[in-house]
Each structure stands twice: as structure tokens, then as C-alpha cells.
Amino acid sequence: MMLTGISCAQQKEKTNSESMKGDLAVATFGSGCFWCTEAVFQRVKGVEKVVSGYSGGKVKNPTYREVTSGLTGHAEVTQLTYNPAVISFEELLEIFWGTHDPTTLNRQGADVGTQYRSVIFYHNEEQKRLSELYKNKLDASGAFDNPIVTEISPFTAFYPAEDYHQNYYNLNGNAPYCSYVIQPKLEKFKKVFQAKLKQN
């Protein structure tokens, strides 16, 4: 994902790192370019909010430029606020693993680097248990030709990405990356997970 001529947005703020917000819950997933992941989860029934950002690194308040250098250790992620009464964490895991290739280490398509790694940052022990269980079941079932390399790590901090990254597909649907990369992924997602789509 390359952008030119666009300056970074204002100061970033940490989100609440708790796994529950009232009756809502939080999940943090990395599955390559966060523009793609955001567009998918924005269309999922029960997902109330999707924020693109950075997790898993050693630098506070990193910029996009710093993260793309691969030196901060962050992954591009989306943090979801969702209603467990409408969609479960297990269902979110199903969508997560069904909408990217979890067998390619530090890579999704043309996007290469540790910032594009497949990763789940769990917010509590139940998310950890379910993530490991689901990963093991998928591997045992032979769902993928190669072993799953998805990292399952404890959540520590989330830094929202610059404003111009937020709601990217919805605001820039005609951009080349959206047309050639995100749109086909969305069409496939809608066919496979039709029952989980929000109603327009």
C-alpha cells in the first residue's frame, strides 16, 4: 500500500485497552493491509465500530511511515467493537481466517513485511483459548494447503492510524487499489458470508 503527496494526520490517541465496553466487546486482528480488513468487518452484522491502526510493536504512537519501515514491530490491524449478542468471537475468527491467507509469513499478496503479518491480539484468556483452538482445528482439517502461521499474542496497545486511513474503501472506492485489490476480496467475502452481512 503506497501513498504519495499525503501528509500524516494529527496526533493519535490510544483506545481503551479493555476487552469489554459496556455490553460490547473488542477484538484486534491483523490480516495484511488494514484497508482490506476494515472494509470486510464494516459489513459484518454486530460489528459496531472498526478502527484501522497499529499493534504489537515497541514504539509509542508510531506513524504510518515508521510502521511501513518494518522497524517498529507493529502490524497493521483493525480493532473491532462488536456486540457478542449478535456475533460471537468464534464467528469473527471464522471471518478473519476466511478472508486472508494465514499461511504466508509476513505477507499478503503484494504487501510484504512484518507489518502485514497474520495476527490475533487477544484481549482475554477466552479469546486466546478460542483462537488457539480454532487455529489447531483448521490445521488438523487440512483447510489450507500449508500450515497456518498466524501469530496469537496478548494485546498490549493499539494506536489508531492517521485519519486518511480510516473508512478508506468507503471514501475511495474508485482508487486503483480499491478497484483491483479490495473490491474482489469484498465480493468473495459477500458470497461466502452472506448470512453475516449487515442489511442496507
Protein backbone atom coordinates (compact mmCIF):
# COMPACT_ATOMS: atom_id res chain seq x y z
CA MET A 1 0.00 0.00 0.00
CA MET A 2 1.69 3.19 -1.16
CA LEU A 3 0.52 6.75 -0.77
CA THR A 4 2.19 9.85 -2.12
CA GLY A 5 1.58 13.52 -1.52
CA ILE A 6 -0.50 12.95 1.60
CA SER A 7 0.64 14.29 4.94
CA CYS A 8 0.09 12.40 8.20
CA ALA A 9 -2.99 13.31 10.19
CA GLN A 10 -2.97 14.80 13.67
CA GLN A 11 -1.89 13.25 16.90
CA LYS A 12 -3.09 9.73 17.55
CA GLU A 13 -4.79 8.54 20.70
CA LYS A 14 -4.78 5.18 22.39
CA THR A 15 -8.09 3.41 22.53
CA ASN A 16 -9.42 1.78 25.63
CA SER A 17 -7.47 -1.47 26.01
CA GLU A 18 -10.21 -3.23 27.95
CA SER A 19 -11.81 -6.18 26.21
CA MET A 20 -15.33 -5.09 27.13
CA LYS A 21 -17.04 -1.73 26.70
CA GLY A 22 -20.42 -1.92 28.38
CA ASP A 23 -22.29 -4.72 26.63
CA LEU A 24 -19.87 -4.57 23.72
CA ALA A 25 -16.57 -6.42 23.27
CA VAL A 26 -13.31 -5.66 21.48
CA ALA A 27 -11.22 -7.78 19.12
CA THR A 28 -7.96 -6.87 17.36
CA PHE A 29 -6.96 -8.62 14.12
CA GLY A 30 -4.13 -8.21 11.62
CA SER A 31 -4.52 -9.82 8.21
CA GLY A 32 -2.43 -7.75 5.84
CA CYS A 33 -3.43 -4.32 4.57
CA PHE A 34 -5.84 -2.76 7.06
CA TRP A 35 -7.78 -1.08 4.24
CA CYS A 36 -8.95 -4.56 3.16
CA THR A 37 -9.68 -5.83 6.65
CA GLU A 38 -11.59 -2.69 7.60
CA ALA A 39 -13.80 -2.92 4.51
CA VAL A 40 -14.70 -6.53 5.32
CA PHE A 41 -15.56 -6.09 9.00
CA GLN A 42 -17.51 -2.86 8.42
CA ARG A 43 -20.04 -5.03 6.60
CA VAL A 44 -20.44 -7.65 9.35
CA LYS A 45 -23.66 -7.76 11.35
CA GLY A 46 -22.99 -7.00 15.02
CA VAL A 47 -19.76 -5.08 14.41
CA GLU A 48 -20.45 -1.58 15.72
CA LYS A 49 -17.12 0.11 15.02
CA VAL A 50 -13.95 -0.63 13.04
CA VAL A 51 -10.76 1.39 13.50
CA SER A 52 -7.58 0.84 11.48
CA GLY A 53 -4.32 1.12 13.39
CA TYR A 54 -1.13 -0.42 14.68
CA SER A 55 -0.45 -3.03 17.40
CA GLY A 56 2.31 -5.32 18.54
CA GLY A 57 5.29 -3.00 18.26
CA LYS A 58 7.77 -1.32 20.56
CA VAL A 59 7.29 2.34 19.59
CA LYS A 60 4.57 4.53 21.11
CA ASN A 61 2.31 6.46 18.72
CA PRO A 62 4.01 5.25 15.53
CA THR A 63 3.35 6.92 12.20
CA TYR A 64 2.43 5.05 9.06
CA ARG A 65 5.84 5.81 7.61
CA GLU A 66 7.54 4.33 10.69
CA VAL A 67 5.39 1.20 10.62
CA THR A 68 5.99 0.57 6.91
CA SER A 69 9.73 0.67 7.55
CA GLY A 70 9.24 -2.65 9.37
CA LEU A 71 11.46 -1.45 12.21
CA THR A 72 8.81 -0.70 14.87
CA GLY A 73 7.46 -4.25 15.11
CA HIS A 74 3.86 -3.15 14.66
CA ALA A 75 1.32 -4.92 12.49
CA GLU A 76 -1.39 -3.16 10.54
CA VAL A 77 -4.56 -4.17 12.39
CA THR A 78 -8.22 -3.39 12.70
CA GLN A 79 -9.77 -3.06 16.13
CA LEU A 80 -13.41 -4.09 16.23
CA THR A 81 -16.05 -3.11 18.74
CA TYR A 82 -18.82 -5.68 18.44
CA ASN A 83 -21.98 -6.92 20.10
CA PRO A 84 -21.48 -10.51 21.34
CA ALA A 85 -25.28 -10.93 21.43
CA VAL A 86 -25.30 -10.54 17.64
CA ILE A 87 -21.97 -12.05 16.59
CA SER A 88 -19.62 -14.21 18.63
CA PHE A 89 -15.84 -14.08 18.78
CA GLU A 90 -15.81 -17.53 17.15
CA GLU A 91 -17.75 -16.14 14.18
CA LEU A 92 -15.32 -13.24 13.91
CA LEU A 93 -12.47 -15.77 13.86
CA GLU A 94 -14.21 -17.63 11.04
CA ILE A 95 -14.38 -14.42 9.00
CA PHE A 96 -10.81 -13.48 9.93
CA TRP A 97 -9.36 -16.78 8.72
CA GLY A 98 -11.71 -16.94 5.74
CA THR A 99 -10.75 -13.57 4.26
CA HIS A 100 -6.95 -13.73 4.05
CA ASP A 101 -4.16 -16.26 3.57
CA PRO A 102 -2.89 -17.19 7.05
CA THR A 103 -0.18 -19.47 5.65
CA THR A 104 2.11 -16.81 4.18
CA LEU A 105 4.61 -15.44 6.70
CA ASN A 106 4.75 -11.64 6.82
CA ARG A 107 2.95 -11.31 3.53
CA GLN A 108 -0.46 -10.82 1.94
CA GLY A 109 -0.33 -10.75 -1.83
CA ALA A 110 1.92 -7.92 -2.98
CA ASP A 111 2.16 -6.50 0.56
CA VAL A 112 5.36 -7.83 2.12
CA GLY A 113 6.83 -7.17 5.58
CA THR A 114 6.22 -7.93 9.25
CA GLN A 115 3.64 -5.14 9.34
CA TYR A 116 1.43 -7.33 7.13
CA ARG A 117 1.65 -10.46 9.28
CA SER A 118 -1.37 -12.55 10.17
CA VAL A 119 -2.01 -11.97 13.87
CA ILE A 120 -4.63 -12.08 16.60
CA PHE A 121 -4.02 -9.87 19.62
CA TYR A 122 -6.20 -11.46 22.28
CA HIS A 123 -7.79 -9.29 24.98
CA ASN A 124 -8.52 -12.05 27.49
CA GLU A 125 -7.87 -15.72 28.16
CA GLU A 126 -11.10 -16.80 26.46
CA GLN A 127 -10.08 -15.09 23.20
CA LYS A 128 -6.68 -16.76 23.49
CA ARG A 129 -8.24 -20.19 24.10
CA LEU A 130 -10.67 -19.89 21.20
CA SER A 131 -8.01 -18.55 18.82
CA GLU A 132 -5.61 -21.41 19.57
CA LEU A 133 -8.42 -23.99 19.41
CA TYR A 134 -9.71 -22.71 16.07
CA LYS A 135 -6.18 -22.50 14.61
CA ASN A 136 -5.41 -26.09 15.64
CA LYS A 137 -8.71 -27.35 14.21
CA LEU A 138 -8.11 -25.61 10.89
CA ASP A 139 -4.60 -27.05 10.65
CA ALA A 140 -5.84 -30.54 11.52
CA SER A 141 -8.67 -30.33 8.99
CA GLY A 142 -6.34 -29.53 6.10
CA ALA A 143 -8.42 -26.44 5.27
CA PHE A 144 -5.22 -24.86 3.91
CA ASP A 145 -2.52 -26.50 1.83
CA ASN A 146 0.19 -25.15 4.13
CA PRO A 147 0.43 -24.73 7.93
CA ILE A 148 -1.19 -21.64 9.45
CA VAL A 149 1.41 -19.13 10.63
CA THR A 150 -1.00 -16.73 12.36
CA GLU A 151 0.60 -15.20 15.45
CA ILE A 152 -1.55 -15.31 18.62
CA SER A 153 -0.24 -12.74 21.09
CA PRO A 154 -1.51 -10.80 24.12
CA PHE A 155 -2.92 -7.36 23.36
CA THR A 156 -0.83 -4.54 24.82
CA ALA A 157 -1.65 -1.32 22.99
CA PHE A 158 -3.47 -0.03 19.94
CA TYR A 159 -2.65 3.18 18.10
CA PRO A 160 -5.23 4.43 15.58
CA ALA A 161 -3.80 5.10 12.15
CA GLU A 162 -3.84 8.57 10.62
CA ASP A 163 -7.25 9.95 9.64
CA TYR A 164 -6.75 9.37 5.92
CA HIS A 165 -6.55 5.60 6.54
CA GLN A 166 -9.92 5.42 8.30
CA ASN A 167 -13.01 4.30 6.36
CA TYR A 168 -10.68 4.11 3.37
CA TYR A 169 -12.60 1.91 0.95
CA ASN A 170 -15.92 3.66 1.56
CA LEU A 171 -14.34 7.05 0.83
CA ASN A 172 -12.01 5.99 -2.00
CA GLY A 173 -13.84 3.20 -3.80
CA ASN A 174 -12.64 4.32 -7.22
CA ALA A 175 -8.95 4.36 -6.30
CA PRO A 176 -6.90 1.70 -8.17
CA TYR A 177 -6.03 -0.27 -5.01
CA CYS A 178 -9.70 -0.38 -4.03
CA SER A 179 -10.83 -1.47 -7.51
CA TYR A 180 -8.18 -4.12 -8.11
CA VAL A 181 -7.49 -5.48 -4.62
CA ILE A 182 -10.26 -4.66 -2.14
CA GLN A 183 -13.32 -4.97 -4.39
CA PRO A 184 -12.64 -8.60 -5.48
CA LYS A 185 -11.96 -9.55 -1.86
CA LEU A 186 -15.24 -7.97 -0.78
CA GLU A 187 -17.21 -9.74 -3.49
CA LYS A 188 -15.79 -13.09 -2.40
CA PHE A 189 -16.49 -12.27 1.26
CA LYS A 190 -20.12 -11.38 0.49
CA LYS A 191 -20.69 -14.69 -1.29
CA VAL A 192 -19.13 -16.83 1.44
CA PHE A 193 -20.50 -14.96 4.45
CA GLN A 194 -23.82 -13.73 3.08
CA ALA A 195 -25.73 -14.61 6.27
CA LYS A 196 -23.43 -12.40 8.34
CA LEU A 197 -23.81 -9.25 6.24
CA LYS A 198 -25.46 -6.09 7.53
CA GLN A 199 -28.69 -5.22 5.78
CA ASN A 200 -28.51 -1.98 3.79
